[in-house]
Amino acid sequence: MWSVPCFFVAKAYRRRGVSLALLKAAVEFARERGAQGVEGYPIEPRNDQPDVFVYTGLAPTFRKAGFTEVARRTPCRPIMRITVTPSWQESGSPGRVRG
């Protein structure tokens, strides 16, 4: 299981879909390297949430990327996961080791 621990998006680029694009790219990167799943630890947004506290991402962004909630340890902190098929399984070959 791979994980996406945090994001940093410059203030000028926030609220433009950058986090979603980064998250999708991270999932694809992990899939290409044999990951069977990716996990994230976003927060549920609140109206009064300062940007500095959303560095782990927002739950709606993870949902848009296809993640589902698998656990919730606190009211505002879901654990979200997406299952992926490693690229080498799709092609039927073990793939190439990159060094």
PDB file of N, CA and C in Angstrom:
ATOM      1  N   MET A   1       0.842  -1.181   0.000  1.00  0.00           N
ATOM      2  CA  MET A   1       0.000   0.000   0.000  1.00  0.00           C
ATOM      3  C   MET A   1       0.885   1.241   0.000  1.00  0.00           C
ATOM      4  N   TRP A   2       0.655   2.111  -0.946  1.00  0.00           N
ATOM      5  CA  TRP A   2       1.350   3.386  -1.009  1.00  0.00           C
ATOM      6  C   TRP A   2       0.473   4.438  -0.341  1.00  0.00           C
ATOM      7  N   SER A   3       1.061   5.586  -0.002  1.00  0.00           N
ATOM      8  CA  SER A   3       0.246   6.643   0.587  1.00  0.00           C
ATOM      9  C   SER A   3       0.635   8.010   0.026  1.00  0.00           C
ATOM     10  N   VAL A   4      -0.326   8.901   0.070  1.00  0.00           N
ATOM     11  CA  VAL A   4      -0.131  10.298  -0.309  1.00  0.00           C
ATOM     12  C   VAL A   4      -0.252  11.083   0.986  1.00  0.00           C
ATOM     13  N   PRO A   5       0.887  11.494   1.566  1.00  0.00           N
ATOM     14  CA  PRO A   5       0.840  12.128   2.882  1.00  0.00           C
ATOM     15  C   PRO A   5       0.463  13.608   2.877  1.00  0.00           C
ATOM     16  N   CYS A   6       0.837  14.334   1.807  1.00  0.00           N
ATOM     17  CA  CYS A   6       0.540  15.768   1.836  1.00  0.00           C
ATOM     18  C   CYS A   6       0.673  16.384   0.445  1.00  0.00           C
ATOM     19  N   PHE A   7       0.211  17.617   0.350  1.00  0.00           N
ATOM     20  CA  PHE A   7       0.290  18.412  -0.878  1.00  0.00           C
ATOM     21  C   PHE A   7       0.839  19.784  -0.510  1.00  0.00           C
ATOM     22  N   PHE A   8       1.522  20.401  -1.444  1.00  0.00           N
ATOM     23  CA  PHE A   8       1.824  21.816  -1.301  1.00  0.00           C
ATOM     24  C   PHE A   8       1.513  22.464  -2.632  1.00  0.00           C
ATOM     25  N   VAL A   9       0.546  23.349  -2.596  1.00  0.00           N
ATOM     26  CA  VAL A   9       0.154  24.078  -3.795  1.00  0.00           C
ATOM     27  C   VAL A   9       0.308  25.562  -3.473  1.00  0.00           C
ATOM     28  N   ALA A  10       1.070  26.253  -4.274  1.00  0.00           N
ATOM     29  CA  ALA A  10       1.273  27.690  -4.058  1.00  0.00           C
ATOM     30  C   ALA A  10      -0.069  28.407  -4.056  1.00  0.00           C
ATOM     31  N   LYS A  11      -0.170  29.404  -3.234  1.00  0.00           N
ATOM     32  CA  LYS A  11      -1.432  30.120  -3.026  1.00  0.00           C
ATOM     33  C   LYS A  11      -2.065  30.589  -4.340  1.00  0.00           C
ATOM     34  N   ALA A  12      -1.259  31.040  -5.267  1.00  0.00           N
ATOM     35  CA  ALA A  12      -1.779  31.540  -6.544  1.00  0.00           C
ATOM     36  C   ALA A  12      -2.465  30.455  -7.383  1.00  0.00           C
ATOM     37  N   TYR A  13      -2.211  29.184  -7.066  1.00  0.00           N
ATOM     38  CA  TYR A  13      -2.758  28.083  -7.860  1.00  0.00           C
ATOM     39  C   TYR A  13      -3.814  27.267  -7.127  1.00  0.00           C
ATOM     40  N   ARG A  14      -4.166  27.652  -5.934  1.00  0.00           N
ATOM     41  CA  ARG A  14      -5.177  26.920  -5.171  1.00  0.00           C
ATOM     42  C   ARG A  14      -6.558  27.139  -5.769  1.00  0.00           C
ATOM     43  N   ARG A  15      -7.423  26.167  -5.541  1.00  0.00           N
ATOM     44  CA  ARG A  15      -8.822  26.193  -6.017  1.00  0.00           C
ATOM     45  C   ARG A  15      -8.911  26.175  -7.552  1.00  0.00           C
ATOM     46  N   ARG A  16      -7.933  25.538  -8.173  1.00  0.00           N
ATOM     47  CA  ARG A  16      -7.911  25.419  -9.642  1.00  0.00           C
ATOM     48  C   ARG A  16      -7.809  23.965 -10.101  1.00  0.00           C
ATOM     49  N   GLY A  17      -7.943  23.024  -9.185  1.00  0.00           N
ATOM     50  CA  GLY A  17      -7.863  21.616  -9.558  1.00  0.00           C
ATOM     51  C   GLY A  17      -6.464  21.034  -9.532  1.00  0.00           C
ATOM     52  N   VAL A  18      -5.498  21.775  -9.028  1.00  0.00           N
ATOM     53  CA  VAL A  18      -4.119  21.297  -9.001  1.00  0.00           C
ATOM     54  C   VAL A  18      -3.986  20.075  -8.087  1.00  0.00           C
ATOM     55  N   SER A  19      -4.614  20.119  -6.907  1.00  0.00           N
ATOM     56  CA  SER A  19      -4.525  18.975  -5.982  1.00  0.00           C
ATOM     57  C   SER A  19      -5.109  17.715  -6.604  1.00  0.00           C
ATOM     58  N   LEU A  20      -6.225  17.850  -7.312  1.00  0.00           N
ATOM     59  CA  LEU A  20      -6.830  16.690  -7.968  1.00  0.00           C
ATOM     60  C   LEU A  20      -5.891  16.132  -9.034  1.00  0.00           C
ATOM     61  N   ALA A  21      -5.291  17.006  -9.822  1.00  0.00           N
ATOM     62  CA  ALA A  21      -4.354  16.546 -10.851  1.00  0.00           C
ATOM     63  C   ALA A  21      -3.139  15.866 -10.222  1.00  0.00           C
ATOM     64  N   LEU A  22      -2.619  16.440  -9.141  1.00  0.00           N
ATOM     65  CA  LEU A  22      -1.485  15.821  -8.447  1.00  0.00           C
ATOM     66  C   LEU A  22      -1.861  14.460  -7.870  1.00  0.00           C
ATOM     67  N   LEU A  23      -3.049  14.367  -7.296  1.00  0.00           N
ATOM     68  CA  LEU A  23      -3.489  13.106  -6.701  1.00  0.00           C
ATOM     69  C   LEU A  23      -3.646  12.025  -7.770  1.00  0.00           C
ATOM     70  N   LYS A  24      -4.258  12.364  -8.872  1.00  0.00           N
ATOM     71  CA  LYS A  24      -4.412  11.389  -9.969  1.00  0.00           C
ATOM     72  C   LYS A  24      -3.048  10.958 -10.502  1.00  0.00           C
ATOM     73  N   ALA A  25      -2.123  11.901 -10.617  1.00  0.00           N
ATOM     74  CA  ALA A  25      -0.778  11.569 -11.093  1.00  0.00           C
ATOM     75  C   ALA A  25      -0.050  10.678 -10.095  1.00  0.00           C
ATOM     76  N   ALA A  26      -0.248  10.926  -8.806  1.00  0.00           N
ATOM     77  CA  ALA A  26       0.392  10.094  -7.779  1.00  0.00           C
ATOM     78  C   ALA A  26      -0.135   8.663  -7.838  1.00  0.00           C
ATOM     79  N   VAL A  27      -1.436   8.512  -8.046  1.00  0.00           N
ATOM     80  CA  VAL A  27      -2.020   7.167  -8.158  1.00  0.00           C
ATOM     81  C   VAL A  27      -1.447   6.450  -9.383  1.00  0.00           C
ATOM     82  N   GLU A  28      -1.361   7.142 -10.489  1.00  0.00           N
ATOM     83  CA  GLU A  28      -0.808   6.540 -11.705  1.00  0.00           C
ATOM     84  C   GLU A  28       0.666   6.185 -11.518  1.00  0.00           C
ATOM     85  N   PHE A  29       1.424   7.060 -10.886  1.00  0.00           N
ATOM     86  CA  PHE A  29       2.836   6.803 -10.602  1.00  0.00           C
ATOM     87  C   PHE A  29       2.982   5.530  -9.771  1.00  0.00           C
ATOM     88  N   ALA A  30       2.167   5.400  -8.730  1.00  0.00           N
ATOM     89  CA  ALA A  30       2.218   4.213  -7.874  1.00  0.00           C
ATOM     90  C   ALA A  30       1.813   2.962  -8.652  1.00  0.00           C
ATOM     91  N   ARG A  31       0.762   3.074  -9.455  1.00  0.00           N
ATOM     92  CA  ARG A  31       0.278   1.930 -10.253  1.00  0.00           C
ATOM     93  C   ARG A  31       1.361   1.437 -11.199  1.00  0.00           C
ATOM     94  N   GLU A  32       2.040   2.366 -11.865  1.00  0.00           N
ATOM     95  CA  GLU A  32       3.094   1.992 -12.808  1.00  0.00           C
ATOM     96  C   GLU A  32       4.267   1.292 -12.124  1.00  0.00           C
ATOM     97  N   ARG A  33       4.386   1.481 -10.832  1.00  0.00           N
ATOM     98  CA  ARG A  33       5.480   0.872 -10.082  1.00  0.00           C
ATOM     99  C   ARG A  33       5.028  -0.319  -9.249  1.00  0.00           C
ATOM    100  N   GLY A  34       3.844  -0.829  -9.545  1.00  0.00           N
ATOM    101  CA  GLY A  34       3.384  -2.070  -8.940  1.00  0.00           C
ATOM    102  C   GLY A  34       2.488  -1.951  -7.727  1.00  0.00           C
ATOM    103  N   ALA A  35       2.094  -0.748  -7.355  1.00  0.00           N
ATOM    104  CA  ALA A  35       1.217  -0.588  -6.193  1.00  0.00           C
ATOM    105  C   ALA A  35      -0.132  -1.246  -6.464  1.00  0.00           C
ATOM    106  N   GLN A  36      -0.686  -1.819  -5.432  1.00  0.00           N
ATOM    107  CA  GLN A  36      -2.024  -2.397  -5.533  1.00  0.00           C
ATOM    108  C   GLN A  36      -3.070  -1.478  -4.919  1.00  0.00           C
ATOM    109  N   GLY A  37      -2.600  -0.453  -4.227  1.00  0.00           N
ATOM    110  CA  GLY A  37      -3.519   0.503  -3.638  1.00  0.00           C
ATOM    111  C   GLY A  37      -2.776   1.727  -3.150  1.00  0.00           C
ATOM    112  N   VAL A  38      -3.525   2.807  -3.002  1.00  0.00           N
ATOM    113  CA  VAL A  38      -2.980   4.064  -2.505  1.00  0.00           C
ATOM    114  C   VAL A  38      -3.935   4.571  -1.434  1.00  0.00           C
ATOM    115  N   GLU A  39      -3.363   5.096  -0.370  1.00  0.00           N
ATOM    116  CA  GLU A  39      -4.142   5.570   0.758  1.00  0.00           C
ATOM    117  C   GLU A  39      -3.834   7.045   0.999  1.00  0.00           C
ATOM    118  N   GLY A  40      -4.817   7.766   1.529  1.00  0.00           N
ATOM    119  CA  GLY A  40      -4.631   9.173   1.870  1.00  0.00           C
ATOM    120  C   GLY A  40      -5.343   9.492   3.162  1.00  0.00           C
ATOM    121  N   TYR A  41      -4.968  10.599   3.759  1.00  0.00           N
ATOM    122  CA  TYR A  41      -5.471  10.973   5.080  1.00  0.00           C
ATOM    123  C   TYR A  41      -5.950  12.424   5.078  1.00  0.00           C
ATOM    124  N   PRO A  42      -6.907  12.739   4.226  1.00  0.00           N
ATOM    125  CA  PRO A  42      -7.362  14.120   4.084  1.00  0.00           C
ATOM    126  C   PRO A  42      -8.224  14.566   5.268  1.00  0.00           C
ATOM    127  N   ILE A  43      -8.686  15.796   5.190  1.00  0.00           N
ATOM    128  CA  ILE A  43      -9.620  16.280   6.197  1.00  0.00           C
ATOM    129  C   ILE A  43     -10.941  16.622   5.520  1.00  0.00           C
ATOM    130  N   GLU A  44     -11.999  16.591   6.300  1.00  0.00           N
ATOM    131  CA  GLU A  44     -13.290  17.092   5.835  1.00  0.00           C
ATOM    132  C   GLU A  44     -13.225  18.604   5.996  1.00  0.00           C
ATOM    133  N   PRO A  45     -13.506  19.338   4.946  1.00  0.00           N
ATOM    134  CA  PRO A  45     -13.376  20.793   5.042  1.00  0.00           C
ATOM    135  C   PRO A  45     -14.440  21.423   5.934  1.00  0.00           C
ATOM    136  N   ARG A  46     -14.021  22.513   6.569  1.00  0.00           N
ATOM    137  CA  ARG A  46     -14.940  23.350   7.337  1.00  0.00           C
ATOM    138  C   ARG A  46     -14.861  24.749   6.751  1.00  0.00           C
ATOM    139  N   ASN A  47     -15.891  25.514   6.945  1.00  0.00           N
ATOM    140  CA  ASN A  47     -15.895  26.886   6.411  1.00  0.00           C
ATOM    141  C   ASN A  47     -14.789  27.744   6.991  1.00  0.00           C
ATOM    142  N   ASP A  48     -14.416  27.492   8.227  1.00  0.00           N
ATOM    143  CA  ASP A  48     -13.413  28.321   8.890  1.00  0.00           C
ATOM    144  C   ASP A  48     -12.026  27.688   8.896  1.00  0.00           C
ATOM    145  N   GLN A  49     -11.788  26.753   7.985  1.00  0.00           N
ATOM    146  CA  GLN A  49     -10.527  26.015   7.953  1.00  0.00           C
ATOM    147  C   GLN A  49      -9.444  26.823   7.247  1.00  0.00           C
ATOM    148  N   PRO A  50      -8.403  27.263   7.959  1.00  0.00           N
ATOM    149  CA  PRO A  50      -7.302  27.963   7.290  1.00  0.00           C
ATOM    150  C   PRO A  50      -6.567  27.034   6.323  1.00  0.00           C
ATOM    151  N   ASP A  51      -6.117  27.590   5.215  1.00  0.00           N
ATOM    152  CA  ASP A  51      -5.421  26.795   4.195  1.00  0.00           C
ATOM    153  C   ASP A  51      -4.248  25.999   4.758  1.00  0.00           C
ATOM    154  N   VAL A  52      -3.553  26.559   5.731  1.00  0.00           N
ATOM    155  CA  VAL A  52      -2.367  25.899   6.281  1.00  0.00           C
ATOM    156  C   VAL A  52      -2.700  24.531   6.874  1.00  0.00           C
ATOM    157  N   PHE A  53      -3.940  24.297   7.255  1.00  0.00           N
ATOM    158  CA  PHE A  53      -4.316  23.031   7.883  1.00  0.00           C
ATOM    159  C   PHE A  53      -4.866  21.999   6.905  1.00  0.00           C
ATOM    160  N   VAL A  54      -4.853  22.296   5.628  1.00  0.00           N
ATOM    161  CA  VAL A  54      -5.371  21.326   4.663  1.00  0.00           C
ATOM    162  C   VAL A  54      -4.269  20.716   3.803  1.00  0.00           C
ATOM    163  N   TYR A  55      -3.048  20.711   4.340  1.00  0.00           N
ATOM    164  CA  TYR A  55      -1.912  20.186   3.572  1.00  0.00           C
ATOM    165  C   TYR A  55      -2.029  18.694   3.270  1.00  0.00           C
ATOM    166  N   THR A  56      -2.862  17.969   4.007  1.00  0.00           N
ATOM    167  CA  THR A  56      -3.049  16.545   3.718  1.00  0.00           C
ATOM    168  C   THR A  56      -4.100  16.325   2.647  1.00  0.00           C
ATOM    169  N   GLY A  57      -4.713  17.396   2.179  1.00  0.00           N
ATOM    170  CA  GLY A  57      -5.734  17.304   1.147  1.00  0.00           C
ATOM    171  C   GLY A  57      -7.130  17.351   1.740  1.00  0.00           C
ATOM    172  N   LEU A  58      -8.096  17.513   0.864  1.00  0.00           N
ATOM    173  CA  LEU A  58      -9.498  17.562   1.263  1.00  0.00           C
ATOM    174  C   LEU A  58     -10.214  16.294   0.810  1.00  0.00           C
ATOM    175  N   ALA A  59     -11.072  15.784   1.657  1.00  0.00           N
ATOM    176  CA  ALA A  59     -11.796  14.544   1.346  1.00  0.00           C
ATOM    177  C   ALA A  59     -12.555  14.619   0.014  1.00  0.00           C
ATOM    178  N   PRO A  60     -13.232  15.737  -0.311  1.00  0.00           N
ATOM    179  CA  PRO A  60     -13.920  15.774  -1.611  1.00  0.00           C
ATOM    180  C   PRO A  60     -12.981  15.591  -2.805  1.00  0.00           C
ATOM    181  N   THR A  61     -11.762  16.066  -2.691  1.00  0.00           N
ATOM    182  CA  THR A  61     -10.787  15.876  -3.776  1.00  0.00           C
ATOM    183  C   THR A  61     -10.453  14.403  -3.938  1.00  0.00           C
ATOM    184  N   PHE A  62     -10.257  13.712  -2.818  1.00  0.00           N
ATOM    185  CA  PHE A  62      -9.976  12.280  -2.873  1.00  0.00           C
ATOM    186  C   PHE A  62     -11.167  11.518  -3.461  1.00  0.00           C
ATOM    187  N   ARG A  63     -12.375  11.916  -3.101  1.00  0.00           N
ATOM    188  CA  ARG A  63     -13.565  11.252  -3.661  1.00  0.00           C
ATOM    189  C   ARG A  63     -13.630  11.453  -5.177  1.00  0.00           C
ATOM    190  N   LYS A  64     -13.337  12.665  -5.641  1.00  0.00           N
ATOM    191  CA  LYS A  64     -13.344  12.940  -7.083  1.00  0.00           C
ATOM    192  C   LYS A  64     -12.316  12.092  -7.816  1.00  0.00           C
ATOM    193  N   ALA A  65     -11.233  11.734  -7.140  1.00  0.00           N
ATOM    194  CA  ALA A  65     -10.180  10.916  -7.756  1.00  0.00           C
ATOM    195  C   ALA A  65     -10.482   9.422  -7.665  1.00  0.00           C
ATOM    196  N   GLY A  66     -11.623   9.063  -7.074  1.00  0.00           N
ATOM    197  CA  GLY A  66     -12.018   7.652  -7.013  1.00  0.00           C
ATOM    198  C   GLY A  66     -11.720   6.952  -5.707  1.00  0.00           C
ATOM    199  N   PHE A  67     -11.228   7.673  -4.714  1.00  0.00           N
ATOM    200  CA  PHE A  67     -10.949   7.082  -3.404  1.00  0.00           C
ATOM    201  C   PHE A  67     -12.262   6.885  -2.639  1.00  0.00           C
ATOM    202  N   THR A  68     -12.277   5.880  -1.775  1.00  0.00           N
ATOM    203  CA  THR A  68     -13.413   5.663  -0.886  1.00  0.00           C
ATOM    204  C   THR A  68     -12.922   5.657   0.557  1.00  0.00           C
ATOM    205  N   GLU A  69     -13.808   6.023   1.443  1.00  0.00           N
ATOM    206  CA  GLU A  69     -13.463   6.053   2.855  1.00  0.00           C
ATOM    207  C   GLU A  69     -13.448   4.627   3.403  1.00  0.00           C
ATOM    208  N   VAL A  70     -12.369   4.271   4.090  1.00  0.00           N
ATOM    209  CA  VAL A  70     -12.249   2.929   4.662  1.00  0.00           C
ATOM    210  C   VAL A  70     -12.276   2.947   6.183  1.00  0.00           C
ATOM    211  N   ALA A  71     -12.029   4.096   6.784  1.00  0.00           N
ATOM    212  CA  ALA A  71     -12.064   4.225   8.245  1.00  0.00           C
ATOM    213  C   ALA A  71     -12.130   5.704   8.586  1.00  0.00           C
ATOM    214  N   ARG A  72     -12.499   5.973   9.835  1.00  0.00           N
ATOM    215  CA  ARG A  72     -12.531   7.361  10.317  1.00  0.00           C
ATOM    216  C   ARG A  72     -12.228   7.310  11.800  1.00  0.00           C
ATOM    217  N   ARG A  73     -11.056   7.801  12.155  1.00  0.00           N
ATOM    218  CA  ARG A  73     -10.635   7.771  13.554  1.00  0.00           C
ATOM    219  C   ARG A  73     -11.143   8.984  14.336  1.00  0.00           C
ATOM    220  N   THR A  74     -11.363  10.100  13.624  1.00  0.00           N
ATOM    221  CA  THR A  74     -11.915  11.308  14.239  1.00  0.00           C
ATOM    222  C   THR A  74     -12.978  11.862  13.287  1.00  0.00           C
ATOM    223  N   PRO A  75     -13.855  12.726  13.776  1.00  0.00           N
ATOM    224  CA  PRO A  75     -14.930  13.232  12.917  1.00  0.00           C
ATOM    225  C   PRO A  75     -14.464  13.942  11.643  1.00  0.00           C
ATOM    226  N   CYS A  76     -13.301  14.573  11.675  1.00  0.00           N
ATOM    227  CA  CYS A  76     -12.867  15.341  10.499  1.00  0.00           C
ATOM    228  C   CYS A  76     -11.736  14.682   9.713  1.00  0.00           C
ATOM    229  N   ARG A  77     -11.329  13.452  10.077  1.00  0.00           N
ATOM    230  CA  ARG A  77     -10.168  12.850   9.439  1.00  0.00           C
ATOM    231  C   ARG A  77     -10.467  11.439   8.934  1.00  0.00           C
ATOM    232  N   PRO A  78     -10.979  11.331   7.690  1.00  0.00           N
ATOM    233  CA  PRO A  78     -11.188   9.995   7.129  1.00  0.00           C
ATOM    234  C   PRO A  78      -9.878   9.395   6.615  1.00  0.00           C
ATOM    235  N   ILE A  79      -9.843   8.092   6.555  1.00  0.00           N
ATOM    236  CA  ILE A  79      -8.769   7.374   5.873  1.00  0.00           C
ATOM    237  C   ILE A  79      -9.387   6.903   4.566  1.00  0.00           C
ATOM    238  N   MET A  80      -8.767   7.286   3.458  1.00  0.00           N
ATOM    239  CA  MET A  80      -9.347   6.993   2.149  1.00  0.00           C
ATOM    240  C   MET A  80      -8.381   6.150   1.336  1.00  0.00           C
ATOM    241  N   ARG A  81      -8.951   5.290   0.504  1.00  0.00           N
ATOM    242  CA  ARG A  81      -8.127   4.336  -0.239  1.00  0.00           C
ATOM    243  C   ARG A  81      -8.694   4.116  -1.629  1.00  0.00           C
ATOM    244  N   ILE A  82      -7.797   3.852  -2.553  1.00  0.00           N
ATOM    245  CA  ILE A  82      -8.180   3.443  -3.898  1.00  0.00           C
ATOM    246  C   ILE A  82      -7.381   2.191  -4.235  1.00  0.00           C
ATOM    247  N   THR A  83      -8.046   1.222  -4.816  1.00  0.00           N
ATOM    248  CA  THR A  83      -7.388  -0.009  -5.256  1.00  0.00           C
ATOM    249  C   THR A  83      -7.063   0.145  -6.730  1.00  0.00           C
ATOM    250  N   VAL A  84      -5.855  -0.217  -7.097  1.00  0.00           N
ATOM    251  CA  VAL A  84      -5.431  -0.116  -8.492  1.00  0.00           C
ATOM    252  C   VAL A  84      -4.847  -1.444  -8.947  1.00  0.00           C
ATOM    253  N   THR A  85      -4.856  -1.653 -10.245  1.00  0.00           N
ATOM    254  CA  THR A  85      -4.226  -2.827 -10.825  1.00  0.00           C
ATOM    255  C   THR A  85      -2.851  -2.411 -11.319  1.00  0.00           C
ATOM    256  N   PRO A  86      -1.788  -3.022 -10.781  1.00  0.00           N
ATOM    257  CA  PRO A  86      -0.447  -2.669 -11.260  1.00  0.00           C
ATOM    258  C   PRO A  86      -0.365  -2.803 -12.780  1.00  0.00           C
ATOM    259  N   SER A  87       0.342  -1.901 -13.425  1.00  0.00           N
ATOM    260  CA  SER A  87       0.409  -1.880 -14.884  1.00  0.00           C
ATOM    261  C   SER A  87       0.951  -3.184 -15.455  1.00  0.00           C
ATOM    262  N   TRP A  88       1.867  -3.832 -14.756  1.00  0.00           N
ATOM    263  CA  TRP A  88       2.420  -5.080 -15.281  1.00  0.00           C
ATOM    264  C   TRP A  88       1.370  -6.190 -15.284  1.00  0.00           C
ATOM    265  N   GLN A  89       0.382  -6.137 -14.402  1.00  0.00           N
ATOM    266  CA  GLN A  89      -0.682  -7.144 -14.417  1.00  0.00           C
ATOM    267  C   GLN A  89      -1.602  -6.945 -15.605  1.00  0.00           C
ATOM    268  N   GLU A  90      -1.816  -5.700 -16.005  1.00  0.00           N
ATOM    269  CA  GLU A  90      -2.665  -5.430 -17.157  1.00  0.00           C
ATOM    270  C   GLU A  90      -2.030  -5.935 -18.450  1.00  0.00           C
ATOM    271  N   SER A  91      -0.715  -5.854 -18.542  1.00  0.00           N
ATOM    272  CA  SER A  91      -0.038  -6.261 -19.775  1.00  0.00           C
ATOM    273  C   SER A  91       0.292  -7.755 -19.781  1.00  0.00           C
ATOM    274  N   GLY A  92       0.184  -8.394 -18.603  1.00  0.00           N
ATOM    275  CA  GLY A  92       0.463  -9.801 -18.540  1.00  0.00           C
ATOM    276  C   GLY A  92       1.946 -10.130 -18.390  1.00  0.00           C
ATOM    277  N   SER A  93       2.794  -9.107 -18.315  1.00  0.00           N
ATOM    278  CA  SER A  93       4.223  -9.358 -18.137  1.00  0.00           C
ATOM    279  C   SER A  93       4.690  -8.700 -16.838  1.00  0.00           C
ATOM    280  N   PRO A  94       5.772  -9.183 -16.272  1.00  0.00           N
ATOM    281  CA  PRO A  94       6.229  -8.661 -14.988  1.00  0.00           C
ATOM    282  C   PRO A  94       6.743  -7.233 -15.038  1.00  0.00           C
ATOM    283  N   GLY A  95       6.860  -6.652 -16.183  1.00  0.00           N
ATOM    284  CA  GLY A  95       7.303  -5.266 -16.253  1.00  0.00           C
ATOM    285  C   GLY A  95       8.810  -5.127 -16.203  1.00  0.00           C
ATOM    286  N   ARG A  96       9.242  -3.924 -16.237  1.00  0.00           N
ATOM    287  CA  ARG A  96      10.651  -3.621 -16.284  1.00  0.00           C
ATOM    288  C   ARG A  96      11.064  -2.976 -14.967  1.00  0.00           C
ATOM    289  N   VAL A  97      12.166  -3.405 -14.447  1.00  0.00           N
ATOM    290  CA  VAL A  97      12.700  -2.812 -13.228  1.00  0.00           C
ATOM    291  C   VAL A  97      13.464  -1.573 -13.618  1.00  0.00           C
ATOM    292  N   ARG A  98      13.147  -0.483 -12.959  1.00  0.00           N
ATOM    293  CA  ARG A  98      13.832   0.785 -13.250  1.00  0.00           C
ATOM    294  C   ARG A  98      14.843   1.061 -12.171  1.00  0.00           C
ATOM    295  N   GLY A  99      16.037   1.449 -12.574  1.00  0.00           N
ATOM    296  CA  GLY A  99      17.077   1.673 -11.599  1.00  0.00           C
ATOM    297  C   GLY A  99      17.649   3.029 -11.578  1.00  0.00           C
TER     298      GLY A  99
END
